[in-house]
C-alpha atoms as a PDB file:
ATOM      1  CA  UNK A   1     109.367 108.632   1.384  1.00  0.00           C
ATOM      2  CA  UNK A   2     108.800 111.860   3.501  1.00  0.00           C
ATOM      3  CA  UNK A   3     105.367 112.107   4.977  1.00  0.00           C
ATOM      4  CA  UNK A   4     104.827 114.802   7.695  1.00  0.00           C
ATOM      5  CA  UNK A   5     103.147 117.819   8.775  1.00  0.00           C
ATOM      6  CA  UNK A   6     104.038 121.595   8.841  1.00  0.00           C
ATOM      7  CA  UNK A   7     103.046 124.376  11.410  1.00  0.00           C
ATOM      8  CA  UNK A   8      99.440 124.611  10.904  1.00  0.00           C
ATOM      9  CA  UNK A   9      99.584 128.482  11.663  1.00  0.00           C
ATOM     10  CA  UNK A  10     101.725 128.920   8.403  1.00  0.00           C
ATOM     11  CA  UNK A  11      99.757 126.787   6.016  1.00  0.00           C
ATOM     12  CA  UNK A  12      98.291 128.017   2.792  1.00  0.00           C
ATOM     13  CA  UNK A  13      97.636 124.730   1.102  1.00  0.00           C
ATOM     14  CA  UNK A  14      96.204 121.950   3.229  1.00  0.00           C
ATOM     15  CA  UNK A  15      97.311 118.739   1.322  1.00  0.00           C
ATOM     16  CA  UNK A  16      99.711 118.387  -1.527  1.00  0.00           C
ATOM     17  CA  UNK A  17     100.408 115.035  -3.216  1.00  0.00           C
ATOM     18  CA  UNK A  18     103.754 114.497  -4.822  1.00  0.00           C
ATOM     19  CA  UNK A  19     103.983 111.654  -7.524  1.00  0.00           C
ATOM     20  CA  UNK A  20     107.724 111.148  -8.196  1.00  0.00           C
ATOM     21  CA  UNK A  21     109.937 108.010  -8.375  1.00  0.00           C
ATOM     22  CA  UNK A  22     113.233 109.753  -7.474  1.00  0.00           C
ATOM     23  CA  UNK A  23     113.406 109.227  -3.648  1.00  0.00           C
ATOM     24  CA  UNK A  24     115.980 112.099  -3.045  1.00  0.00           C
ATOM     25  CA  UNK A  25     114.403 114.748  -4.861  1.00  0.00           C
ATOM     26  CA  UNK A  26     110.960 113.853  -3.628  1.00  0.00           C
ATOM     27  CA  UNK A  27     112.097 114.073  -0.058  1.00  0.00           C
ATOM     28  CA  UNK A  28     113.719 117.308  -1.011  1.00  0.00           C
ATOM     29  CA  UNK A  29     110.575 118.584  -2.355  1.00  0.00           C
ATOM     30  CA  UNK A  30     108.362 117.346   0.604  1.00  0.00           C
ATOM     31  CA  UNK A  31     110.737 118.920   3.167  1.00  0.00           C
ATOM     32  CA  UNK A  32     110.804 122.264   1.189  1.00  0.00           C
ATOM     33  CA  UNK A  33     107.042 122.300   0.919  1.00  0.00           C
ATOM     34  CA  UNK A  34     106.510 121.804   4.714  1.00  0.00           C
ATOM     35  CA  UNK A  35     109.231 124.216   5.761  1.00  0.00           C
ATOM     36  CA  UNK A  36     109.959 126.938   3.288  1.00  0.00           C
ATOM     37  CA  UNK A  37     106.560 126.838   1.161  1.00  0.00           C
ATOM     38  CA  UNK A  38     103.929 126.610   4.283  1.00  0.00           C
ATOM     39  CA  UNK A  39     102.114 123.597   3.149  1.00  0.00           C
ATOM     40  CA  UNK A  40     100.420 121.812   6.184  1.00  0.00           C
ATOM     41  CA  UNK A  41     100.698 118.244   4.866  1.00  0.00           C
ATOM     42  CA  UNK A  42     102.258 116.327   2.053  1.00  0.00           C
ATOM     43  CA  UNK A  43     101.859 112.678   0.882  1.00  0.00           C
ATOM     44  CA  UNK A  44     104.126 111.224  -1.623  1.00  0.00           C
ATOM     45  CA  UNK A  45     103.657 108.260  -3.900  1.00  0.00           C
ATOM     46  CA  UNK A  46     106.638 106.990  -6.102  1.00  0.00           C
ATOM     47  CA  UNK A  47     104.046 105.671  -8.922  1.00  0.00           C
ATOM     48  CA  UNK A  48     101.009 106.334 -10.757  1.00  0.00           C
ATOM     49  CA  UNK A  49      99.721 103.085  -9.397  1.00  0.00           C
ATOM     50  CA  UNK A  50     100.738 104.354  -5.746  1.00  0.00           C
ATOM     51  CA  UNK A  51      99.049 107.667  -6.251  1.00  0.00           C
ATOM     52  CA  UNK A  52      95.685 106.235  -7.408  1.00  0.00           C
ATOM     53  CA  UNK A  53      95.574 103.812  -4.528  1.00  0.00           C
ATOM     54  CA  UNK A  54      95.922 106.729  -2.172  1.00  0.00           C
ATOM     55  CA  UNK A  55      93.180 108.672  -3.934  1.00  0.00           C
ATOM     56  CA  UNK A  56      90.932 105.369  -3.938  1.00  0.00           C
ATOM     57  CA  UNK A  57      91.677 105.345  -0.167  1.00  0.00           C
ATOM     58  CA  UNK A  58      90.042 108.947   0.568  1.00  0.00           C
ATOM     59  CA  UNK A  59      93.011 111.196  -0.045  1.00  0.00           C
ATOM     60  CA  UNK A  60      91.779 114.682  -1.419  1.00  0.00           C
ATOM     61  CA  UNK A  61      94.686 116.966  -2.352  1.00  0.00           C
ATOM     62  CA  UNK A  62      94.386 120.483  -3.132  1.00  0.00           C
ATOM     63  CA  UNK A  63      97.518 120.421  -5.212  1.00  0.00           C
ATOM     64  CA  UNK A  64      99.507 117.644  -7.088  1.00  0.00           C
ATOM     65  CA  UNK A  65     103.243 117.799  -8.226  1.00  0.00           C
ATOM     66  CA  UNK A  66     103.405 115.096 -10.875  1.00  0.00           C
ATOM     67  CA  UNK A  67     106.775 113.677 -12.587  1.00  0.00           C
ATOM     68  CA  UNK A  68     105.801 112.699 -16.043  1.00  0.00           C
ATOM     69  CA  UNK A  69     108.834 110.585 -16.338  1.00  0.00           C
ATOM     70  CA  UNK A  70     107.221 107.680 -13.961  1.00  0.00           C
ATOM     71  CA  UNK A  71     107.962 104.104 -14.559  1.00  0.00           C
ATOM     72  CA  UNK A  72     104.602 103.084 -15.079  1.00  0.00           C
ATOM     73  CA  UNK A  73     103.616 105.910 -17.325  1.00  0.00           C
ATOM     74  CA  UNK A  74     104.636 107.074 -20.919  1.00  0.00           C
ATOM     75  CA  UNK A  75     104.663 110.905 -21.787  1.00  0.00           C
ATOM     76  CA  UNK A  76     101.343 112.584 -20.294  1.00  0.00           C
ATOM     77  CA  UNK A  77      99.256 109.328 -19.912  1.00  0.00           C
ATOM     78  CA  UNK A  78      99.844 109.685 -16.047  1.00  0.00           C
ATOM     79  CA  UNK A  79      98.930 113.320 -16.065  1.00  0.00           C
ATOM     80  CA  UNK A  80      95.706 112.646 -18.085  1.00  0.00           C
ATOM     81  CA  UNK A  81      94.668 109.890 -15.773  1.00  0.00           C
ATOM     82  CA  UNK A  82      95.291 112.009 -12.490  1.00  0.00           C
ATOM     83  CA  UNK A  83      93.385 114.762 -14.371  1.00  0.00           C
ATOM     84  CA  UNK A  84      90.605 112.514 -15.073  1.00  0.00           C
ATOM     85  CA  UNK A  85      90.412 111.416 -11.186  1.00  0.00           C
ATOM     86  CA  UNK A  86      90.863 114.946  -9.905  1.00  0.00           C
ATOM     87  CA  UNK A  87      89.282 117.418 -12.661  1.00  0.00           C
ATOM     88  CA  UNK A  88      89.211 120.368 -10.295  1.00  0.00           C
ATOM     89  CA  UNK A  89      92.607 120.143  -8.714  1.00  0.00           C
ATOM     90  CA  UNK A  90      95.690 121.825  -9.985  1.00  0.00           C
ATOM     91  CA  UNK A  91      98.373 119.665 -11.005  1.00  0.00           C
ATOM     92  CA  UNK A  92     101.977 120.972 -11.526  1.00  0.00           C
ATOM     93  CA  UNK A  93     104.024 119.068 -13.835  1.00  0.00           C
ATOM     94  CA  UNK A  94     107.660 118.452 -12.719  1.00  0.00           C
ATOM     95  CA  UNK A  95     110.205 116.873 -15.293  1.00  0.00           C
ATOM     96  CA  UNK A  96     113.913 116.639 -15.961  1.00  0.00           C
ATOM     97  CA  UNK A  97     112.870 117.428 -19.662  1.00  0.00           C
ATOM     98  CA  UNK A  98     112.255 120.979 -19.728  1.00  0.00           C
ATOM     99  CA  UNK A  99     112.242 121.358 -23.764  1.00  0.00           C
ATOM    100  CA  UNK A 100     109.682 123.725 -24.941  1.00  0.00           C
ATOM    101  CA  UNK A 101     107.802 121.073 -26.402  1.00  0.00           C
ATOM    102  CA  UNK A 102     107.330 119.115 -23.408  1.00  0.00           C
ATOM    103  CA  UNK A 103     106.371 122.137 -21.497  1.00  0.00           C
ATOM    104  CA  UNK A 104     103.773 123.079 -24.133  1.00  0.00           C
ATOM    105  CA  UNK A 105     102.365 119.681 -24.473  1.00  0.00           C
ATOM    106  CA  UNK A 106     101.949 119.831 -20.710  1.00  0.00           C
ATOM    107  CA  UNK A 107     100.219 122.986 -20.598  1.00  0.00           C
ATOM    108  CA  UNK A 108      97.932 122.223 -23.618  1.00  0.00           C
ATOM    109  CA  UNK A 109      96.933 119.009 -21.563  1.00  0.00           C
ATOM    110  CA  UNK A 110      95.543 121.144 -18.869  1.00  0.00           C
ATOM    111  CA  UNK A 111      98.588 121.345 -16.375  1.00  0.00           C
ATOM    112  CA  UNK A 112      98.464 124.077 -13.911  1.00  0.00           C
ATOM    113  CA  UNK A 113     102.020 124.949 -14.535  1.00  0.00           C
ATOM    114  CA  UNK A 114     105.585 123.171 -15.215  1.00  0.00           C
ATOM    115  CA  UNK A 115     108.580 123.157 -12.877  1.00  0.00           C
ATOM    116  CA  UNK A 116     111.865 121.908 -14.300  1.00  0.00           C
ATOM    117  CA  UNK A 117     113.547 119.676 -12.083  1.00  0.00           C
ATOM    118  CA  UNK A 118     116.649 121.765 -11.763  1.00  0.00           C
ATOM    119  CA  UNK A 119     114.767 124.730 -10.940  1.00  0.00           C
ATOM    120  CA  UNK A 120     115.966 126.882  -7.919  1.00  0.00           C
ATOM    121  CA  UNK A 121     113.933 127.315  -4.862  1.00  0.00           C
ATOM    122  CA  UNK A 122     112.656 130.730  -5.750  1.00  0.00           C
ATOM    123  CA  UNK A 123     111.128 129.382  -8.948  1.00  0.00           C
ATOM    124  CA  UNK A 124     109.347 126.808  -7.148  1.00  0.00           C
ATOM    125  CA  UNK A 125     108.152 129.285  -4.648  1.00  0.00           C
ATOM    126  CA  UNK A 126     106.942 131.547  -7.530  1.00  0.00           C
ATOM    127  CA  UNK A 127     104.810 128.594  -9.283  1.00  0.00           C
ATOM    128  CA  UNK A 128     103.267 127.530  -5.780  1.00  0.00           C
ATOM    129  CA  UNK A 129     102.196 131.087  -5.146  1.00  0.00           C
ATOM    130  CA  UNK A 130     100.592 131.702  -8.852  1.00  0.00           C
ATOM    131  CA  UNK A 131      98.860 128.403  -8.750  1.00  0.00           C
ATOM    132  CA  UNK A 132      97.428 129.148  -5.383  1.00  0.00           C
ATOM    133  CA  UNK A 133      96.157 132.471  -7.050  1.00  0.00           C
ATOM    134  CA  UNK A 134      94.487 130.597  -9.621  1.00  0.00           C
ATOM    135  CA  UNK A 135      97.169 131.351 -12.344  1.00  0.00           C
ATOM    136  CA  UNK A 136      99.187 129.178 -14.691  1.00  0.00           C
ATOM    137  CA  UNK A 137     103.075 128.968 -14.101  1.00  0.00           C
ATOM    138  CA  UNK A 138     105.290 128.903 -16.929  1.00  0.00           C
ATOM    139  CA  UNK A 139     109.022 128.580 -16.143  1.00  0.00           C
ATOM    140  CA  UNK A 140     111.217 131.634 -16.952  1.00  0.00           C
ATOM    141  CA  UNK A 141     112.180 132.112 -20.619  1.00  0.00           C
ATOM    142  CA  UNK A 142     109.302 129.815 -21.956  1.00  0.00           C
ATOM    143  CA  UNK A 143     107.013 131.506 -24.394  1.00  0.00           C
ATOM    144  CA  UNK A 144     103.636 129.636 -24.846  1.00  0.00           C
ATOM    145  CA  UNK A 145     101.983 128.969 -28.254  1.00  0.00           C
ATOM    146  CA  UNK A 146      98.288 129.360 -28.762  1.00  0.00           C
ATOM    147  CA  UNK A 147      96.187 126.194 -28.533  1.00  0.00           C
ATOM    148  CA  UNK A 148      94.329 124.884 -31.390  1.00  0.00           C
ATOM    149  CA  UNK A 149      90.556 126.364 -30.931  1.00  0.00           C
ATOM    150  CA  UNK A 150      89.013 123.224 -32.489  1.00  0.00           C
ATOM    151  CA  UNK A 151      90.676 121.161 -29.617  1.00  0.00           C
ATOM    152  CA  UNK A 152      89.398 123.463 -27.077  1.00  0.00           C
ATOM    153  CA  UNK A 153      85.977 123.305 -28.141  1.00  0.00           C
ATOM    154  CA  UNK A 154      85.899 119.553 -28.932  1.00  0.00           C
ATOM    155  CA  UNK A 155      83.454 117.497 -26.643  1.00  0.00           C
ATOM    156  CA  UNK A 156      84.334 113.815 -26.255  1.00  0.00           C
ATOM    157  CA  UNK A 157      81.629 112.682 -28.695  1.00  0.00           C
ATOM    158  CA  UNK A 158      83.208 115.065 -31.254  1.00  0.00           C
ATOM    159  CA  UNK A 159      86.691 113.754 -30.823  1.00  0.00           C
ATOM    160  CA  UNK A 160      85.346 110.194 -31.022  1.00  0.00           C
ATOM    161  CA  UNK A 161      83.855 111.182 -34.293  1.00  0.00           C
ATOM    162  CA  UNK A 162      87.053 112.732 -35.568  1.00  0.00           C
ATOM    163  CA  UNK A 163      89.103 109.650 -34.922  1.00  0.00           C
ATOM    164  CA  UNK A 164      86.241 107.533 -36.351  1.00  0.00           C
ATOM    165  CA  UNK A 165      86.541 109.305 -39.654  1.00  0.00           C
ATOM    166  CA  UNK A 166      90.249 108.371 -40.158  1.00  0.00           C
ATOM    167  CA  UNK A 167      91.235 105.958 -42.697  1.00  0.00           C
ATOM    168  CA  UNK A 168      92.607 102.626 -41.401  1.00  0.00           C
ATOM    169  CA  UNK A 169      95.958 103.919 -42.472  1.00  0.00           C
ATOM    170  CA  UNK A 170      95.696 106.995 -40.656  1.00  0.00           C
ATOM    171  CA  UNK A 171      94.547 105.177 -37.651  1.00  0.00           C
ATOM    172  CA  UNK A 172      97.635 102.974 -37.580  1.00  0.00           C
ATOM    173  CA  UNK A 173      99.775 106.334 -37.860  1.00  0.00           C
ATOM    174  CA  UNK A 174      98.158 107.950 -35.065  1.00  0.00           C
ATOM    175  CA  UNK A 175      98.559 104.970 -33.008  1.00  0.00           C
ATOM    176  CA  UNK A 176     102.310 104.900 -33.717  1.00  0.00           C
ATOM    177  CA  UNK A 177     102.516 108.663 -32.949  1.00  0.00           C
ATOM    178  CA  UNK A 178     101.061 108.094 -29.715  1.00  0.00           C
ATOM    179  CA  UNK A 179     103.591 105.364 -28.911  1.00  0.00           C
ATOM    180  CA  UNK A 180     106.345 107.712 -29.653  1.00  0.00           C
ATOM    181  CA  UNK A 181     107.340 106.569 -32.914  1.00  0.00           C
ATOM    182  CA  UNK A 182     109.232 109.094 -35.341  1.00  0.00           C
ATOM    183  CA  UNK A 183     108.093 109.297 -39.008  1.00  0.00           C
ATOM    184  CA  UNK A 184     111.227 107.093 -40.212  1.00  0.00           C
ATOM    185  CA  UNK A 185     110.267 104.309 -37.855  1.00  0.00           C
ATOM    186  CA  UNK A 186     106.537 104.588 -38.657  1.00  0.00           C
ATOM    187  CA  UNK A 187     107.537 104.385 -42.445  1.00  0.00           C
ATOM    188  CA  UNK A 188     109.418 101.527 -41.989  1.00  0.00           C
ATOM    189  CA  UNK A 189     106.817  99.511 -39.827  1.00  0.00           C
ATOM    190  CA  UNK A 190     104.063 100.241 -42.358  1.00  0.00           C
ATOM    191  CA  UNK A 191     106.273  99.482 -45.450  1.00  0.00           C
ATOM    192  CA  UNK A 192     105.758 102.887 -47.020  1.00  0.00           C
ATOM    193  CA  UNK A 193     108.198 105.729 -47.697  1.00  0.00           C
ATOM    194  CA  UNK A 194     108.684 108.606 -45.130  1.00  0.00           C
ATOM    195  CA  UNK A 195     107.000 111.061 -47.786  1.00  0.00           C
ATOM    196  CA  UNK A 196     103.797 109.007 -47.659  1.00  0.00           C
ATOM    197  CA  UNK A 197     103.796 109.173 -43.951  1.00  0.00           C
ATOM    198  CA  UNK A 198     104.022 112.754 -43.953  1.00  0.00           C
ATOM    199  CA  UNK A 199     101.347 113.152 -46.309  1.00  0.00           C
ATOM    200  CA  UNK A 200      98.784 110.930 -44.137  1.00  0.00           C
ATOM    201  CA  UNK A 201      99.957 112.971 -41.117  1.00  0.00           C
ATOM    202  CA  UNK A 202      98.887 116.158 -42.726  1.00  0.00           C
ATOM    203  CA  UNK A 203      95.735 114.519 -43.660  1.00  0.00           C
ATOM    204  CA  UNK A 204      95.006 113.279 -40.369  1.00  0.00           C
ATOM    205  CA  UNK A 205      95.808 116.706 -38.603  1.00  0.00           C
ATOM    206  CA  UNK A 206      93.210 118.206 -40.836  1.00  0.00           C
ATOM    207  CA  UNK A 207      90.716 115.635 -40.170  1.00  0.00           C
ATOM    208  CA  UNK A 208      91.364 116.091 -36.246  1.00  0.00           C
ATOM    209  CA  UNK A 209      91.414 119.876 -36.341  1.00  0.00           C
ATOM    210  CA  UNK A 210      94.698 120.183 -34.658  1.00  0.00           C
ATOM    211  CA  UNK A 211      97.786 121.721 -36.173  1.00  0.00           C
ATOM    212  CA  UNK A 212     100.773 119.454 -35.105  1.00  0.00           C
ATOM    213  CA  UNK A 213     101.285 115.865 -34.010  1.00  0.00           C
ATOM    214  CA  UNK A 214     101.624 116.756 -30.215  1.00  0.00           C
ATOM    215  CA  UNK A 215      98.010 117.882 -30.302  1.00  0.00           C
ATOM    216  CA  UNK A 216      96.921 114.943 -32.100  1.00  0.00           C
ATOM    217  CA  UNK A 217      98.486 112.495 -29.361  1.00  0.00           C
ATOM    218  CA  UNK A 218      96.833 114.620 -26.656  1.00  0.00           C
ATOM    219  CA  UNK A 219      93.424 114.331 -28.327  1.00  0.00           C
ATOM    220  CA  UNK A 220      93.739 110.773 -29.266  1.00  0.00           C
ATOM    221  CA  UNK A 221      95.029 109.983 -25.525  1.00  0.00           C
ATOM    222  CA  UNK A 222      91.960 112.073 -24.173  1.00  0.00           C
ATOM    223  CA  UNK A 223      89.639 110.159 -26.285  1.00  0.00           C
ATOM    224  CA  UNK A 224      91.073 106.723 -24.726  1.00  0.00           C
ATOM    225  CA  UNK A 225      90.216 107.910 -21.193  1.00  0.00           C
ATOM    226  CA  UNK A 226      86.927 108.801 -22.056  1.00  0.00           C
ATOM    227  CA  UNK A 227      86.120 105.686 -23.716  1.00  0.00           C
ATOM    228  CA  UNK A 228      88.043 103.290 -21.668  1.00  0.00           C
ATOM    229  CA  UNK A 229      89.975 101.673 -24.452  1.00  0.00           C
ATOM    230  CA  UNK A 230      93.729 100.959 -24.810  1.00  0.00           C
ATOM    231  CA  UNK A 231      94.558 101.979 -28.439  1.00  0.00           C
ATOM    232  CA  UNK A 232      95.977 105.156 -27.601  1.00  0.00           C
ATOM    233  CA  UNK A 233      97.436 104.219 -23.980  1.00  0.00           C
ATOM    234  CA  UNK A 234     101.042 104.389 -25.108  1.00  0.00           C
ATOM    235  CA  UNK A 235     101.600 108.152 -25.384  1.00  0.00           C
ATOM    236  CA  UNK A 236     105.438 108.152 -25.012  1.00  0.00           C
ATOM    237  CA  UNK A 237     107.290 111.498 -24.170  1.00  0.00           C
ATOM    238  CA  UNK A 238     109.206 111.051 -27.572  1.00  0.00           C
ATOM    239  CA  UNK A 239     105.847 111.878 -29.357  1.00  0.00           C
ATOM    240  CA  UNK A 240     106.156 115.341 -27.927  1.00  0.00           C
ATOM    241  CA  UNK A 241     109.530 116.052 -29.257  1.00  0.00           C
ATOM    242  CA  UNK A 242     108.552 115.011 -33.050  1.00  0.00           C
END
């Protein structure tokens, strides 16, 4: 991976951490950050494990670019882990999956912005400029949906209480949603009809105070990070697409 320094006179960002497992893309991004975007120093990690090792070793980035398709993460689990470790550092999500659902889920989880992997250089420049100004960056053509207020205001204790209020069957279903299972597969695994699954999902969304399964999965995964448990650790990207 590329690791170097730009001209300090051109710096606007002192340290950027890139977490991406595609060497060519990562090297190209590192080079662009250092030469075209006036970043002083860049560190690269090819996995969440390596990124957390760098952070544990004392690395203090003021910007993170994270690929949510890492081999040792599923869905937004890597993002949520880094956000837990770096609560005050803006994290830009980069992904080859630029569907509206994935962008929305990333922004709902607290991303500073979303950059599609096929974005041209001027879009990346716009993203960096907006994030440095304290703004959120959304790719051209994407229109955000308002977040659920109940989720925004919920404390970790409140979220845990909501999850504890689910019935055993609803708890099984939220686990399967976080594992990326579509309704048809959930119905098969629980030996119930798809209509029954949909009814349970409607009920659990109401109990959790969210409006869709993406928000439910994010809520459950955030509770997992707060409790240090593993029930909701497999938030697959496919859960964002259903």
